[in-house]
Amino acid sequence: MPIAGWFIVGLAWFSANVPFLNQRLFGVLPLSWVLAKGRKQIGWRLLELILLYFALGALSFLLEAQAGNVFVQSWPFYAVTFCFFLVLAFPGFVFCYLMKR
């Protein structure tokens, strides 16, 4: 696999776990006006996860376009990659919700 492929996989792992590892939107913007009891709620985390999936897809498309031909994808490709993105988010979910503090 070319270096761009490994870069995307590593970036996918990182961006899938960002919503669960901090209390900021995209790891940067504070959400003090919507936080309940000082914690980001699951709806914000899921919205952030979906937006990061699309941002990563756009970056992947740009890298593929620079490398050569862009392959046309249909809905099964996006369904599988989103499920893979959710699997990559599992360590962050476990750390945030299942581990005792």
PDB file of N, CA and C in Angstrom:
ATOM      1  N   MET A   1       0.861  -1.170   0.000  1.00  0.00           N
ATOM      2  CA  MET A   1       0.000   0.000   0.000  1.00  0.00           C
ATOM      3  C   MET A   1       0.912   1.239   0.000  1.00  0.00           C
ATOM      4  N   PRO A   2       0.610   2.207  -0.845  1.00  0.00           N
ATOM      5  CA  PRO A   2       1.429   3.426  -0.871  1.00  0.00           C
ATOM      6  C   PRO A   2       1.348   4.198   0.447  1.00  0.00           C
ATOM      7  N   ILE A   3       2.294   5.095   0.629  1.00  0.00           N
ATOM      8  CA  ILE A   3       2.363   5.868   1.870  1.00  0.00           C
ATOM      9  C   ILE A   3       1.104   6.708   2.089  1.00  0.00           C
ATOM     10  N   ALA A   4       0.470   7.171   1.021  1.00  0.00           N
ATOM     11  CA  ALA A   4      -0.765   7.949   1.156  1.00  0.00           C
ATOM     12  C   ALA A   4      -1.887   7.097   1.770  1.00  0.00           C
ATOM     13  N   GLY A   5      -1.928   5.827   1.427  1.00  0.00           N
ATOM     14  CA  GLY A   5      -2.935   4.927   1.998  1.00  0.00           C
ATOM     15  C   GLY A   5      -2.751   4.742   3.493  1.00  0.00           C
ATOM     16  N   TRP A   6      -1.503   4.525   3.920  1.00  0.00           N
ATOM     17  CA  TRP A   6      -1.235   4.387   5.353  1.00  0.00           C
ATOM     18  C   TRP A   6      -1.478   5.696   6.098  1.00  0.00           C
ATOM     19  N   PHE A   7      -1.186   6.801   5.429  1.00  0.00           N
ATOM     20  CA  PHE A   7      -1.456   8.105   6.026  1.00  0.00           C
ATOM     21  C   PHE A   7      -2.946   8.276   6.289  1.00  0.00           C
ATOM     22  N   ILE A   8      -3.771   7.904   5.330  1.00  0.00           N
ATOM     23  CA  ILE A   8      -5.229   8.027   5.488  1.00  0.00           C
ATOM     24  C   ILE A   8      -5.743   7.096   6.590  1.00  0.00           C
ATOM     25  N   VAL A   9      -5.219   5.883   6.661  1.00  0.00           N
ATOM     26  CA  VAL A   9      -5.663   4.949   7.709  1.00  0.00           C
ATOM     27  C   VAL A   9      -5.287   5.483   9.090  1.00  0.00           C
ATOM     28  N   GLY A  10      -4.065   5.985   9.238  1.00  0.00           N
ATOM     29  CA  GLY A  10      -3.648   6.558  10.518  1.00  0.00           C
ATOM     30  C   GLY A  10      -4.449   7.790  10.882  1.00  0.00           C
ATOM     31  N   LEU A  11      -4.701   8.638   9.899  1.00  0.00           N
ATOM     32  CA  LEU A  11      -5.509   9.831  10.137  1.00  0.00           C
ATOM     33  C   LEU A  11      -6.950   9.453  10.468  1.00  0.00           C
ATOM     34  N   ALA A  12      -7.456   8.391   9.849  1.00  0.00           N
ATOM     35  CA  ALA A  12      -8.816   7.919  10.155  1.00  0.00           C
ATOM     36  C   ALA A  12      -8.896   7.436  11.596  1.00  0.00           C
ATOM     37  N   TRP A  13      -7.874   6.696  12.044  1.00  0.00           N
ATOM     38  CA  TRP A  13      -7.868   6.222  13.429  1.00  0.00           C
ATOM     39  C   TRP A  13      -7.847   7.400  14.400  1.00  0.00           C
ATOM     40  N   PHE A  14      -6.997   8.366  14.117  1.00  0.00           N
ATOM     41  CA  PHE A  14      -6.898   9.536  14.988  1.00  0.00           C
ATOM     42  C   PHE A  14      -8.205  10.334  15.001  1.00  0.00           C
ATOM     43  N   SER A  15      -8.748  10.625  13.815  1.00  0.00           N
ATOM     44  CA  SER A  15      -9.954  11.456  13.752  1.00  0.00           C
ATOM     45  C   SER A  15     -11.194  10.722  14.260  1.00  0.00           C
ATOM     46  N   ALA A  16     -11.206   9.398  14.205  1.00  0.00           N
ATOM     47  CA  ALA A  16     -12.346   8.651  14.747  1.00  0.00           C
ATOM     48  C   ALA A  16     -12.355   8.683  16.270  1.00  0.00           C
ATOM     49  N   ASN A  17     -11.191   8.846  16.885  1.00  0.00           N
ATOM     50  CA  ASN A  17     -11.108   8.845  18.350  1.00  0.00           C
ATOM     51  C   ASN A  17     -11.144  10.239  18.957  1.00  0.00           C
ATOM     52  N   VAL A  18     -10.929  11.274  18.170  1.00  0.00           N
ATOM     53  CA  VAL A  18     -10.916  12.652  18.690  1.00  0.00           C
ATOM     54  C   VAL A  18     -12.217  13.029  19.394  1.00  0.00           C
ATOM     55  N   PRO A  19     -13.398  12.695  18.865  1.00  0.00           N
ATOM     56  CA  PRO A  19     -14.625  13.118  19.561  1.00  0.00           C
ATOM     57  C   PRO A  19     -14.770  12.541  20.968  1.00  0.00           C
ATOM     58  N   PHE A  20     -14.161  11.398  21.224  1.00  0.00           N
ATOM     59  CA  PHE A  20     -14.339  10.736  22.513  1.00  0.00           C
ATOM     60  C   PHE A  20     -13.252  11.066  23.525  1.00  0.00           C
ATOM     61  N   LEU A  21     -12.175  11.683  23.098  1.00  0.00           N
ATOM     62  CA  LEU A  21     -11.045  11.892  23.989  1.00  0.00           C
ATOM     63  C   LEU A  21     -10.939  13.298  24.546  1.00  0.00           C
ATOM     64  N   ASN A  22     -11.846  14.203  24.179  1.00  0.00           N
ATOM     65  CA  ASN A  22     -11.795  15.560  24.716  1.00  0.00           C
ATOM     66  C   ASN A  22     -13.198  16.141  24.793  1.00  0.00           C
ATOM     67  N   GLN A  23     -13.309  17.302  25.412  1.00  0.00           N
ATOM     68  CA  GLN A  23     -14.602  17.966  25.585  1.00  0.00           C
ATOM     69  C   GLN A  23     -14.740  19.179  24.668  1.00  0.00           C
ATOM     70  N   ARG A  24     -13.980  19.217  23.593  1.00  0.00           N
ATOM     71  CA  ARG A  24     -14.033  20.329  22.646  1.00  0.00           C
ATOM     72  C   ARG A  24     -14.526  19.827  21.303  1.00  0.00           C
ATOM     73  N   LEU A  25     -15.111  20.720  20.518  1.00  0.00           N
ATOM     74  CA  LEU A  25     -15.584  20.369  19.187  1.00  0.00           C
ATOM     75  C   LEU A  25     -14.391  20.270  18.255  1.00  0.00           C
ATOM     76  N   PHE A  26     -14.203  19.124  17.624  1.00  0.00           N
ATOM     77  CA  PHE A  26     -13.074  18.821  16.734  1.00  0.00           C
ATOM     78  C   PHE A  26     -11.741  18.954  17.452  1.00  0.00           C
ATOM     79  N   GLY A  27     -11.735  18.852  18.760  1.00  0.00           N
ATOM     80  CA  GLY A  27     -10.519  18.949  19.535  1.00  0.00           C
ATOM     81  C   GLY A  27      -9.984  20.358  19.691  1.00  0.00           C
ATOM     82  N   VAL A  28     -10.692  21.376  19.175  1.00  0.00           N
ATOM     83  CA  VAL A  28     -10.182  22.742  19.182  1.00  0.00           C
ATOM     84  C   VAL A  28     -11.169  23.736  19.794  1.00  0.00           C
ATOM     85  N   LEU A  29     -12.406  23.734  19.334  1.00  0.00           N
ATOM     86  CA  LEU A  29     -13.390  24.743  19.725  1.00  0.00           C
ATOM     87  C   LEU A  29     -14.079  24.383  21.042  1.00  0.00           C
ATOM     88  N   PRO A  30     -14.089  25.293  22.013  1.00  0.00           N
ATOM     89  CA  PRO A  30     -14.770  24.991  23.281  1.00  0.00           C
ATOM     90  C   PRO A  30     -16.283  24.961  23.109  1.00  0.00           C
ATOM     91  N   LEU A  31     -16.923  24.083  23.847  1.00  0.00           N
ATOM     92  CA  LEU A  31     -18.383  23.948  23.801  1.00  0.00           C
ATOM     93  C   LEU A  31     -18.998  24.280  25.154  1.00  0.00           C
ATOM     94  N   SER A  32     -18.474  25.264  25.832  1.00  0.00           N
ATOM     95  CA  SER A  32     -18.936  25.566  27.187  1.00  0.00           C
ATOM     96  C   SER A  32     -20.412  25.973  27.213  1.00  0.00           C
ATOM     97  N   TRP A  33     -20.938  26.502  26.132  1.00  0.00           N
ATOM     98  CA  TRP A  33     -22.328  26.948  26.100  1.00  0.00           C
ATOM     99  C   TRP A  33     -23.316  25.809  25.906  1.00  0.00           C
ATOM    100  N   VAL A  34     -22.867  24.619  25.545  1.00  0.00           N
ATOM    101  CA  VAL A  34     -23.787  23.494  25.367  1.00  0.00           C
ATOM    102  C   VAL A  34     -23.450  22.297  26.234  1.00  0.00           C
ATOM    103  N   LEU A  35     -22.382  22.369  26.989  1.00  0.00           N
ATOM    104  CA  LEU A  35     -22.000  21.223  27.803  1.00  0.00           C
ATOM    105  C   LEU A  35     -22.933  21.063  28.989  1.00  0.00           C
ATOM    106  N   ALA A  36     -23.379  19.846  29.189  1.00  0.00           N
ATOM    107  CA  ALA A  36     -24.203  19.528  30.348  1.00  0.00           C
ATOM    108  C   ALA A  36     -23.319  18.852  31.382  1.00  0.00           C
ATOM    109  N   LYS A  37     -23.206  19.452  32.529  1.00  0.00           N
ATOM    110  CA  LYS A  37     -22.398  18.926  33.621  1.00  0.00           C
ATOM    111  C   LYS A  37     -20.931  18.791  33.219  1.00  0.00           C
ATOM    112  N   GLY A  38     -20.468  19.655  32.345  1.00  0.00           N
ATOM    113  CA  GLY A  38     -19.063  19.656  31.964  1.00  0.00           C
ATOM    114  C   GLY A  38     -18.643  18.582  30.990  1.00  0.00           C
ATOM    115  N   ARG A  39     -19.582  17.816  30.457  1.00  0.00           N
ATOM    116  CA  ARG A  39     -19.245  16.743  29.517  1.00  0.00           C
ATOM    117  C   ARG A  39     -19.997  16.932  28.203  1.00  0.00           C
ATOM    118  N   LYS A  40     -19.337  16.615  27.121  1.00  0.00           N
ATOM    119  CA  LYS A  40     -19.969  16.666  25.801  1.00  0.00           C
ATOM    120  C   LYS A  40     -20.923  15.472  25.684  1.00  0.00           C
ATOM    121  N   GLN A  41     -22.148  15.722  25.250  1.00  0.00           N
ATOM    122  CA  GLN A  41     -23.139  14.659  25.159  1.00  0.00           C
ATOM    123  C   GLN A  41     -22.911  13.816  23.899  1.00  0.00           C
ATOM    124  N   ILE A  42     -23.536  12.648  23.878  1.00  0.00           N
ATOM    125  CA  ILE A  42     -23.311  11.684  22.802  1.00  0.00           C
ATOM    126  C   ILE A  42     -23.749  12.228  21.434  1.00  0.00           C
ATOM    127  N   GLY A  43     -24.776  13.067  21.408  1.00  0.00           N
ATOM    128  CA  GLY A  43     -25.216  13.645  20.140  1.00  0.00           C
ATOM    129  C   GLY A  43     -24.139  14.502  19.492  1.00  0.00           C
ATOM    130  N   TRP A  44     -23.458  15.300  20.304  1.00  0.00           N
ATOM    131  CA  TRP A  44     -22.359  16.113  19.785  1.00  0.00           C
ATOM    132  C   TRP A  44     -21.224  15.233  19.295  1.00  0.00           C
ATOM    133  N   ARG A  45     -20.946  14.152  20.010  1.00  0.00           N
ATOM    134  CA  ARG A  45     -19.864  13.248  19.616  1.00  0.00           C
ATOM    135  C   ARG A  45     -20.190  12.555  18.298  1.00  0.00           C
ATOM    136  N   LEU A  46     -21.427  12.123  18.123  1.00  0.00           N
ATOM    137  CA  LEU A  46     -21.810  11.460  16.879  1.00  0.00           C
ATOM    138  C   LEU A  46     -21.811  12.431  15.700  1.00  0.00           C
ATOM    139  N   LEU A  47     -22.286  13.652  15.922  1.00  0.00           N
ATOM    140  CA  LEU A  47     -22.248  14.657  14.865  1.00  0.00           C
ATOM    141  C   LEU A  47     -20.811  14.951  14.455  1.00  0.00           C
ATOM    142  N   GLU A  48     -19.943  15.086  15.439  1.00  0.00           N
ATOM    143  CA  GLU A  48     -18.532  15.330  15.170  1.00  0.00           C
ATOM    144  C   GLU A  48     -17.910  14.149  14.417  1.00  0.00           C
ATOM    145  N   LEU A  49     -18.290  12.935  14.782  1.00  0.00           N
ATOM    146  CA  LEU A  49     -17.775  11.742  14.116  1.00  0.00           C
ATOM    147  C   LEU A  49     -18.194  11.711  12.649  1.00  0.00           C
ATOM    148  N   ILE A  50     -19.448  12.045  12.366  1.00  0.00           N
ATOM    149  CA  ILE A  50     -19.935  12.055  10.981  1.00  0.00           C
ATOM    150  C   ILE A  50     -19.249  13.144  10.170  1.00  0.00           C
ATOM    151  N   LEU A  51     -19.098  14.326  10.734  1.00  0.00           N
ATOM    152  CA  LEU A  51     -18.430  15.412  10.011  1.00  0.00           C
ATOM    153  C   LEU A  51     -16.958  15.097   9.760  1.00  0.00           C
ATOM    154  N   LEU A  52     -16.301  14.463  10.711  1.00  0.00           N
ATOM    155  CA  LEU A  52     -14.910  14.070  10.499  1.00  0.00           C
ATOM    156  C   LEU A  52     -14.793  12.981   9.440  1.00  0.00           C
ATOM    157  N   TYR A  53     -15.777  12.094   9.346  1.00  0.00           N
ATOM    158  CA  TYR A  53     -15.789  11.076   8.291  1.00  0.00           C
ATOM    159  C   TYR A  53     -15.837  11.736   6.913  1.00  0.00           C
ATOM    160  N   PHE A  54     -16.715  12.729   6.755  1.00  0.00           N
ATOM    161  CA  PHE A  54     -16.814  13.406   5.464  1.00  0.00           C
ATOM    162  C   PHE A  54     -15.573  14.240   5.155  1.00  0.00           C
ATOM    163  N   ALA A  55     -14.981  14.847   6.169  1.00  0.00           N
ATOM    164  CA  ALA A  55     -13.744  15.609   5.954  1.00  0.00           C
ATOM    165  C   ALA A  55     -12.613  14.682   5.529  1.00  0.00           C
ATOM    166  N   LEU A  56     -12.527  13.530   6.149  1.00  0.00           N
ATOM    167  CA  LEU A  56     -11.506  12.557   5.775  1.00  0.00           C
ATOM    168  C   LEU A  56     -11.760  12.009   4.376  1.00  0.00           C
ATOM    169  N   GLY A  57     -13.024  11.827   4.013  1.00  0.00           N
ATOM    170  CA  GLY A  57     -13.360  11.393   2.655  1.00  0.00           C
ATOM    171  C   GLY A  57     -12.953  12.417   1.617  1.00  0.00           C
ATOM    172  N   ALA A  58     -13.138  13.684   1.917  1.00  0.00           N
ATOM    173  CA  ALA A  58     -12.716  14.744   0.986  1.00  0.00           C
ATOM    174  C   ALA A  58     -11.199  14.762   0.834  1.00  0.00           C
ATOM    175  N   LEU A  59     -10.482  14.602   1.932  1.00  0.00           N
ATOM    176  CA  LEU A  59      -9.023  14.550   1.859  1.00  0.00           C
ATOM    177  C   LEU A  59      -8.562  13.329   1.061  1.00  0.00           C
ATOM    178  N   SER A  60      -9.214  12.201   1.265  1.00  0.00           N
ATOM    179  CA  SER A  60      -8.872  10.991   0.513  1.00  0.00           C
ATOM    180  C   SER A  60      -9.118  11.189  -0.977  1.00  0.00           C
ATOM    181  N   PHE A  61     -10.213  11.840  -1.300  1.00  0.00           N
ATOM    182  CA  PHE A  61     -10.523  12.128  -2.706  1.00  0.00           C
ATOM    183  C   PHE A  61      -9.443  13.013  -3.321  1.00  0.00           C
ATOM    184  N   LEU A  62      -9.001  14.021  -2.595  1.00  0.00           N
ATOM    185  CA  LEU A  62      -7.949  14.901  -3.108  1.00  0.00           C
ATOM    186  C   LEU A  62      -6.634  14.155  -3.312  1.00  0.00           C
ATOM    187  N   LEU A  63      -6.275  13.293  -2.376  1.00  0.00           N
ATOM    188  CA  LEU A  63      -5.051  12.507  -2.530  1.00  0.00           C
ATOM    189  C   LEU A  63      -5.152  11.547  -3.710  1.00  0.00           C
ATOM    190  N   GLU A  64      -6.314  10.943  -3.900  1.00  0.00           N
ATOM    191  CA  GLU A  64      -6.516  10.039  -5.021  1.00  0.00           C
ATOM    192  C   GLU A  64      -6.466  10.795  -6.348  1.00  0.00           C
ATOM    193  N   ALA A  65      -7.020  11.999  -6.379  1.00  0.00           N
ATOM    194  CA  ALA A  65      -7.001  12.799  -7.602  1.00  0.00           C
ATOM    195  C   ALA A  65      -5.579  13.225  -7.954  1.00  0.00           C
ATOM    196  N   GLN A  66      -4.753  13.484  -6.945  1.00  0.00           N
ATOM    197  CA  GLN A  66      -3.362  13.852  -7.209  1.00  0.00           C
ATOM    198  C   GLN A  66      -2.551  12.666  -7.693  1.00  0.00           C
ATOM    199  N   ALA A  67      -2.902  11.475  -7.240  1.00  0.00           N
ATOM    200  CA  ALA A  67      -2.154  10.279  -7.612  1.00  0.00           C
ATOM    201  C   ALA A  67      -2.479   9.804  -9.022  1.00  0.00           C
ATOM    202  N   GLY A  68      -3.631  10.147  -9.537  1.00  0.00           N
ATOM    203  CA  GLY A  68      -4.009   9.675 -10.874  1.00  0.00           C
ATOM    204  C   GLY A  68      -5.503   9.719 -11.065  1.00  0.00           C
ATOM    205  N   ASN A  69      -6.032   8.625 -11.593  1.00  0.00           N
ATOM    206  CA  ASN A  69      -7.461   8.541 -11.880  1.00  0.00           C
ATOM    207  C   ASN A  69      -8.276   8.401 -10.602  1.00  0.00           C
ATOM    208  N   VAL A  70      -9.401   9.084 -10.564  1.00  0.00           N
ATOM    209  CA  VAL A  70     -10.332   8.965  -9.441  1.00  0.00           C
ATOM    210  C   VAL A  70     -11.362   7.907  -9.810  1.00  0.00           C
ATOM    211  N   PHE A  71     -11.497   6.907  -8.968  1.00  0.00           N
ATOM    212  CA  PHE A  71     -12.437   5.833  -9.229  1.00  0.00           C
ATOM    213  C   PHE A  71     -13.819   6.207  -8.714  1.00  0.00           C
ATOM    214  N   VAL A  72     -14.835   5.922  -9.498  1.00  0.00           N
ATOM    215  CA  VAL A  72     -16.217   6.209  -9.113  1.00  0.00           C
ATOM    216  C   VAL A  72     -16.655   5.152  -8.106  1.00  0.00           C
ATOM    217  N   GLN A  73     -17.258   5.602  -7.009  1.00  0.00           N
ATOM    218  CA  GLN A  73     -17.713   4.689  -5.958  1.00  0.00           C
ATOM    219  C   GLN A  73     -19.230   4.792  -5.819  1.00  0.00           C
ATOM    220  N   SER A  74     -19.844   3.687  -5.424  1.00  0.00           N
ATOM    221  CA  SER A  74     -21.288   3.698  -5.180  1.00  0.00           C
ATOM    222  C   SER A  74     -21.544   3.536  -3.681  1.00  0.00           C
ATOM    223  N   TRP A  75     -22.793   3.419  -3.293  1.00  0.00           N
ATOM    224  CA  TRP A  75     -23.154   3.452  -1.887  1.00  0.00           C
ATOM    225  C   TRP A  75     -22.531   2.339  -1.045  1.00  0.00           C
ATOM    226  N   PRO A  76     -22.299   1.106  -1.571  1.00  0.00           N
ATOM    227  CA  PRO A  76     -21.684   0.094  -0.702  1.00  0.00           C
ATOM    228  C   PRO A  76     -20.286   0.488  -0.206  1.00  0.00           C
ATOM    229  N   PHE A  77     -19.525   1.184  -1.040  1.00  0.00           N
ATOM    230  CA  PHE A  77     -18.203   1.647  -0.634  1.00  0.00           C
ATOM    231  C   PHE A  77     -18.310   2.576   0.563  1.00  0.00           C
ATOM    232  N   TYR A  78     -19.243   3.518   0.513  1.00  0.00           N
ATOM    233  CA  TYR A  78     -19.391   4.476   1.602  1.00  0.00           C
ATOM    234  C   TYR A  78     -19.956   3.811   2.855  1.00  0.00           C
ATOM    235  N   ALA A  79     -20.826   2.826   2.696  1.00  0.00           N
ATOM    236  CA  ALA A  79     -21.355   2.101   3.854  1.00  0.00           C
ATOM    237  C   ALA A  79     -20.244   1.321   4.559  1.00  0.00           C
ATOM    238  N   VAL A  80     -19.397   0.661   3.786  1.00  0.00           N
ATOM    239  CA  VAL A  80     -18.313  -0.120   4.372  1.00  0.00           C
ATOM    240  C   VAL A  80     -17.280   0.789   5.026  1.00  0.00           C
ATOM    241  N   THR A  81     -16.921   1.890   4.367  1.00  0.00           N
ATOM    242  CA  THR A  81     -15.916   2.777   4.955  1.00  0.00           C
ATOM    243  C   THR A  81     -16.445   3.462   6.207  1.00  0.00           C
ATOM    244  N   PHE A  82     -17.740   3.779   6.256  1.00  0.00           N
ATOM    245  CA  PHE A  82     -18.288   4.373   7.474  1.00  0.00           C
ATOM    246  C   PHE A  82     -18.290   3.356   8.617  1.00  0.00           C
ATOM    247  N   CYS A  83     -18.616   2.106   8.319  1.00  0.00           N
ATOM    248  CA  CYS A  83     -18.559   1.066   9.353  1.00  0.00           C
ATOM    249  C   CYS A  83     -17.122   0.859   9.832  1.00  0.00           C
ATOM    250  N   PHE A  84     -16.161   0.912   8.916  1.00  0.00           N
ATOM    251  CA  PHE A  84     -14.747   0.818   9.299  1.00  0.00           C
ATOM    252  C   PHE A  84     -14.361   1.994  10.189  1.00  0.00           C
ATOM    253  N   PHE A  85     -14.872   3.173   9.867  1.00  0.00           N
ATOM    254  CA  PHE A  85     -14.602   4.362  10.672  1.00  0.00           C
ATOM    255  C   PHE A  85     -15.173   4.196  12.080  1.00  0.00           C
ATOM    256  N   LEU A  86     -16.359   3.599  12.186  1.00  0.00           N
ATOM    257  CA  LEU A  86     -16.953   3.340  13.501  1.00  0.00           C
ATOM    258  C   LEU A  86     -16.137   2.317  14.287  1.00  0.00           C
ATOM    259  N   VAL A  87     -15.603   1.309  13.611  1.00  0.00           N
ATOM    260  CA  VAL A  87     -14.759   0.322  14.285  1.00  0.00           C
ATOM    261  C   VAL A  87     -13.488   0.991  14.799  1.00  0.00           C
ATOM    262  N   LEU A  88     -12.916   1.900  14.023  1.00  0.00           N
ATOM    263  CA  LEU A  88     -11.724   2.614  14.467  1.00  0.00           C
ATOM    264  C   LEU A  88     -12.021   3.504  15.674  1.00  0.00           C
ATOM    265  N   ALA A  89     -13.265   3.935  15.842  1.00  0.00           N
ATOM    266  CA  ALA A  89     -13.642   4.793  16.959  1.00  0.00           C
ATOM    267  C   ALA A  89     -13.886   4.011  18.246  1.00  0.00           C
ATOM    268  N   PHE A  90     -13.860   2.686  18.190  1.00  0.00           N
ATOM    269  CA  PHE A  90     -14.179   1.872  19.365  1.00  0.00           C
ATOM    270  C   PHE A  90     -13.255   2.124  20.554  1.00  0.00           C
ATOM    271  N   PRO A  91     -11.929   2.246  20.386  1.00  0.00           N
ATOM    272  CA  PRO A  91     -11.088   2.511  21.566  1.00  0.00           C
ATOM    273  C   PRO A  91     -11.454   3.811  22.282  1.00  0.00           C
ATOM    274  N   GLY A  92     -11.755   4.853  21.543  1.00  0.00           N
ATOM    275  CA  GLY A  92     -12.152   6.111  22.166  1.00  0.00           C
ATOM    276  C   GLY A  92     -13.481   5.993  22.886  1.00  0.00           C
ATOM    277  N   PHE A  93     -14.433   5.248  22.304  1.00  0.00           N
ATOM    278  CA  PHE A  93     -15.729   5.030  22.932  1.00  0.00           C
ATOM    279  C   PHE A  93     -15.566   4.268  24.241  1.00  0.00           C
ATOM    280  N   VAL A  94     -14.739   3.236  24.232  1.00  0.00           N
ATOM    281  CA  VAL A  94     -14.495   2.454  25.446  1.00  0.00           C
ATOM    282  C   VAL A  94     -13.870   3.332  26.518  1.00  0.00           C
ATOM    283  N   PHE A  95     -12.888   4.124  26.137  1.00  0.00           N
ATOM    284  CA  PHE A  95     -12.231   5.001  27.101  1.00  0.00           C
ATOM    285  C   PHE A  95     -13.201   6.016  27.687  1.00  0.00           C
ATOM    286  N   CYS A  96     -14.083   6.547  26.852  1.00  0.00           N
ATOM    287  CA  CYS A  96     -14.992   7.613  27.288  1.00  0.00           C
ATOM    288  C   CYS A  96     -16.173   7.090  28.114  1.00  0.00           C
ATOM    289  N   TYR A  97     -16.757   5.964  27.703  1.00  0.00           N
ATOM    290  CA  TYR A  97     -18.011   5.531  28.317  1.00  0.00           C
ATOM    291  C   TYR A  97     -17.933   4.237  29.135  1.00  0.00           C
ATOM    292  N   LEU A  98     -17.025   3.339  28.842  1.00  0.00           N
ATOM    293  CA  LEU A  98     -17.044   2.031  29.485  1.00  0.00           C
ATOM    294  C   LEU A  98     -16.005   1.855  30.578  1.00  0.00           C
ATOM    295  N   MET A  99     -14.942   2.658  30.563  1.00  0.00           N
ATOM    296  CA  MET A  99     -13.921   2.524  31.613  1.00  0.00           C
ATOM    297  C   MET A  99     -14.363   3.274  32.867  1.00  0.00           C
ATOM    298  N   LYS A 100     -14.130   2.656  34.011  1.00  0.00           N
ATOM    299  CA  LYS A 100     -14.454   3.314  35.277  1.00  0.00           C
ATOM    300  C   LYS A 100     -13.385   4.341  35.589  1.00  0.00           C
ATOM    301  N   ARG A 101     -13.793   5.459  36.110  1.00  0.00           N
ATOM    302  CA  ARG A 101     -12.848   6.533  36.446  1.00  0.00           C
ATOM    303  C   ARG A 101     -12.465   6.433  37.907  1.00  0.00           C
TER     304      ARG A 101
END
